[in-house]
């Protein structure tokens, strides 16, 4: 593949990720509405002491803005997309490695 195509693809991917992050940041109201609540939670946690870092009895914890904002479907779609992408890359890499090994043996 041409080096400039790789750079262009990487720049395009970076632009898409940056735009998606900016959209997510602005659609949830940015950091300001949650900064005060976050500070209070941190101070309360420091004052009251800590609990278990992972509590399997409580189930999966999802951030308040996602859960309360009705964005669970979108969150689930992103999780499934990332899982499918990870599995696809794993399968692709294992197949690509098989071809590479057979070329070296010949």
C-alpha atoms as a PDB file:
ATOM      1  CA  UNK A   1       0.000   0.000   0.000  1.00  0.00           C
ATOM      2  CA  UNK A   2       1.225   3.480  -0.805  1.00  0.00           C
ATOM      3  CA  UNK A   3       2.569   5.389   2.192  1.00  0.00           C
ATOM      4  CA  UNK A   4       0.391   8.445   1.476  1.00  0.00           C
ATOM      5  CA  UNK A   5      -2.723   6.272   1.359  1.00  0.00           C
ATOM      6  CA  UNK A   6      -1.811   4.955   4.796  1.00  0.00           C
ATOM      7  CA  UNK A   7      -1.265   8.468   6.126  1.00  0.00           C
ATOM      8  CA  UNK A   8      -4.518   9.632   4.560  1.00  0.00           C
ATOM      9  CA  UNK A   9      -6.417   6.682   6.028  1.00  0.00           C
ATOM     10  CA  UNK A  10      -4.923   7.314   9.447  1.00  0.00           C
ATOM     11  CA  UNK A  11      -5.745  11.037   9.240  1.00  0.00           C
ATOM     12  CA  UNK A  12      -9.312  10.197   8.184  1.00  0.00           C
ATOM     13  CA  UNK A  13      -9.725   7.735  11.048  1.00  0.00           C
ATOM     14  CA  UNK A  14      -8.349  10.310  13.472  1.00  0.00           C
ATOM     15  CA  UNK A  15     -10.789  12.938  12.154  1.00  0.00           C
ATOM     16  CA  UNK A  16     -13.753  10.563  12.514  1.00  0.00           C
ATOM     17  CA  UNK A  17     -12.749   9.625  16.074  1.00  0.00           C
ATOM     18  CA  UNK A  18     -12.220  13.265  16.985  1.00  0.00           C
ATOM     19  CA  UNK A  19     -15.625  14.222  15.567  1.00  0.00           C
ATOM     20  CA  UNK A  20     -17.333  11.331  17.395  1.00  0.00           C
ATOM     21  CA  UNK A  21     -15.666  12.328  20.667  1.00  0.00           C
ATOM     22  CA  UNK A  22     -16.644  15.962  20.238  1.00  0.00           C
ATOM     23  CA  UNK A  23     -20.221  14.978  19.411  1.00  0.00           C
ATOM     24  CA  UNK A  24     -20.408  12.761  22.491  1.00  0.00           C
ATOM     25  CA  UNK A  25     -18.925  15.480  24.671  1.00  0.00           C
ATOM     26  CA  UNK A  26     -21.382  18.125  23.486  1.00  0.00           C
ATOM     27  CA  UNK A  27     -24.431  15.835  23.453  1.00  0.00           C
ATOM     28  CA  UNK A  28     -23.923  14.925  27.121  1.00  0.00           C
ATOM     29  CA  UNK A  29     -23.508  18.582  28.084  1.00  0.00           C
ATOM     30  CA  UNK A  30     -19.732  18.557  28.363  1.00  0.00           C
ATOM     31  CA  UNK A  31     -17.801  18.361  31.577  1.00  0.00           C
ATOM     32  CA  UNK A  32     -19.317  21.312  33.435  1.00  0.00           C
ATOM     33  CA  UNK A  33     -22.681  19.827  34.522  1.00  0.00           C
ATOM     34  CA  UNK A  34     -20.989  16.777  36.001  1.00  0.00           C
ATOM     35  CA  UNK A  35     -17.908  18.439  37.487  1.00  0.00           C
ATOM     36  CA  UNK A  36     -19.631  19.488  40.713  1.00  0.00           C
ATOM     37  CA  UNK A  37     -21.267  16.091  41.179  1.00  0.00           C
ATOM     38  CA  UNK A  38     -17.969  14.347  40.469  1.00  0.00           C
ATOM     39  CA  UNK A  39     -16.133  16.487  43.006  1.00  0.00           C
ATOM     40  CA  UNK A  40     -18.777  15.730  45.625  1.00  0.00           C
ATOM     41  CA  UNK A  41     -18.590  12.006  44.915  1.00  0.00           C
ATOM     42  CA  UNK A  42     -14.810  12.016  45.195  1.00  0.00           C
ATOM     43  CA  UNK A  43     -14.888  13.982  48.431  1.00  0.00           C
ATOM     44  CA  UNK A  44     -17.599  11.764  49.897  1.00  0.00           C
ATOM     45  CA  UNK A  45     -15.662   8.649  48.895  1.00  0.00           C
ATOM     46  CA  UNK A  46     -12.488   9.975  50.498  1.00  0.00           C
ATOM     47  CA  UNK A  47     -14.385  10.906  53.644  1.00  0.00           C
ATOM     48  CA  UNK A  48     -16.416   7.703  54.002  1.00  0.00           C
ATOM     49  CA  UNK A  49     -13.641   5.322  53.033  1.00  0.00           C
ATOM     50  CA  UNK A  50     -13.599   2.972  50.117  1.00  0.00           C
ATOM     51  CA  UNK A  51     -15.450  -0.157  49.293  1.00  0.00           C
ATOM     52  CA  UNK A  52     -14.729  -3.022  46.964  1.00  0.00           C
ATOM     53  CA  UNK A  53     -13.380  -1.950  43.609  1.00  0.00           C
ATOM     54  CA  UNK A  54     -15.334  -4.739  41.890  1.00  0.00           C
ATOM     55  CA  UNK A  55     -18.619  -5.866  43.382  1.00  0.00           C
ATOM     56  CA  UNK A  56     -20.038  -8.770  41.397  1.00  0.00           C
ATOM     57  CA  UNK A  57     -23.269  -8.737  43.401  1.00  0.00           C
ATOM     58  CA  UNK A  58     -24.271  -5.338  41.980  1.00  0.00           C
ATOM     59  CA  UNK A  59     -24.047  -6.272  38.311  1.00  0.00           C
ATOM     60  CA  UNK A  60     -22.599  -4.085  35.592  1.00  0.00           C
ATOM     61  CA  UNK A  61     -22.268  -0.425  36.546  1.00  0.00           C
ATOM     62  CA  UNK A  62     -22.921   2.103  33.790  1.00  0.00           C
ATOM     63  CA  UNK A  63     -22.268   5.822  34.126  1.00  0.00           C
ATOM     64  CA  UNK A  64     -25.204   7.929  35.250  1.00  0.00           C
ATOM     65  CA  UNK A  65     -25.468  10.174  32.159  1.00  0.00           C
ATOM     66  CA  UNK A  66     -25.716   7.135  29.892  1.00  0.00           C
ATOM     67  CA  UNK A  67     -28.236   5.325  32.060  1.00  0.00           C
ATOM     68  CA  UNK A  68     -30.361   8.355  32.954  1.00  0.00           C
ATOM     69  CA  UNK A  69     -30.193   9.954  29.517  1.00  0.00           C
ATOM     70  CA  UNK A  70     -31.814   6.976  27.828  1.00  0.00           C
ATOM     71  CA  UNK A  71     -28.678   6.127  25.848  1.00  0.00           C
ATOM     72  CA  UNK A  72     -28.494   2.445  26.837  1.00  0.00           C
ATOM     73  CA  UNK A  73     -29.299   1.243  23.318  1.00  0.00           C
ATOM     74  CA  UNK A  74     -26.520   3.351  21.845  1.00  0.00           C
ATOM     75  CA  UNK A  75     -24.114   2.192  24.571  1.00  0.00           C
ATOM     76  CA  UNK A  76     -24.982  -1.445  23.895  1.00  0.00           C
ATOM     77  CA  UNK A  77     -24.513  -0.910  20.148  1.00  0.00           C
ATOM     78  CA  UNK A  78     -21.024   0.534  20.715  1.00  0.00           C
ATOM     79  CA  UNK A  79     -20.085  -2.363  23.006  1.00  0.00           C
ATOM     80  CA  UNK A  80     -21.296  -4.935  20.474  1.00  0.00           C
ATOM     81  CA  UNK A  81     -19.544  -3.109  17.623  1.00  0.00           C
ATOM     82  CA  UNK A  82     -16.241  -3.086  19.503  1.00  0.00           C
ATOM     83  CA  UNK A  83     -16.597  -6.776  20.411  1.00  0.00           C
ATOM     84  CA  UNK A  84     -17.320  -7.739  16.793  1.00  0.00           C
ATOM     85  CA  UNK A  85     -14.420  -5.588  15.602  1.00  0.00           C
ATOM     86  CA  UNK A  86     -12.066  -7.221  18.100  1.00  0.00           C
ATOM     87  CA  UNK A  87     -13.134 -10.735  17.114  1.00  0.00           C
ATOM     88  CA  UNK A  88     -12.866  -9.840  13.425  1.00  0.00           C
ATOM     89  CA  UNK A  89      -9.337  -8.501  13.867  1.00  0.00           C
ATOM     90  CA  UNK A  90      -8.365 -11.630  15.782  1.00  0.00           C
ATOM     91  CA  UNK A  91      -9.683 -13.888  13.001  1.00  0.00           C
ATOM     92  CA  UNK A  92      -8.046 -11.731  10.322  1.00  0.00           C
ATOM     93  CA  UNK A  93      -4.699 -11.784  12.109  1.00  0.00           C
ATOM     94  CA  UNK A  94      -4.781 -15.549  12.583  1.00  0.00           C
ATOM     95  CA  UNK A  95      -5.575 -16.127   8.897  1.00  0.00           C
ATOM     96  CA  UNK A  96      -2.933 -13.620   7.787  1.00  0.00           C
ATOM     97  CA  UNK A  97      -0.346 -15.332   9.986  1.00  0.00           C
ATOM     98  CA  UNK A  98      -1.148 -18.713   8.383  1.00  0.00           C
ATOM     99  CA  UNK A  99      -0.425 -17.292   4.917  1.00  0.00           C
ATOM    100  CA  UNK A 100       2.759 -15.644   6.153  1.00  0.00           C
ATOM    101  CA  UNK A 101       4.007 -18.910   7.729  1.00  0.00           C
ATOM    102  CA  UNK A 102       3.374 -20.897   4.537  1.00  0.00           C
ATOM    103  CA  UNK A 103       5.291 -18.357   2.463  1.00  0.00           C
ATOM    104  CA  UNK A 104       8.291 -18.587   4.801  1.00  0.00           C
ATOM    105  CA  UNK A 105       8.328 -22.374   4.670  1.00  0.00           C
ATOM    106  CA  UNK A 106       8.504 -22.409   0.848  1.00  0.00           C
END
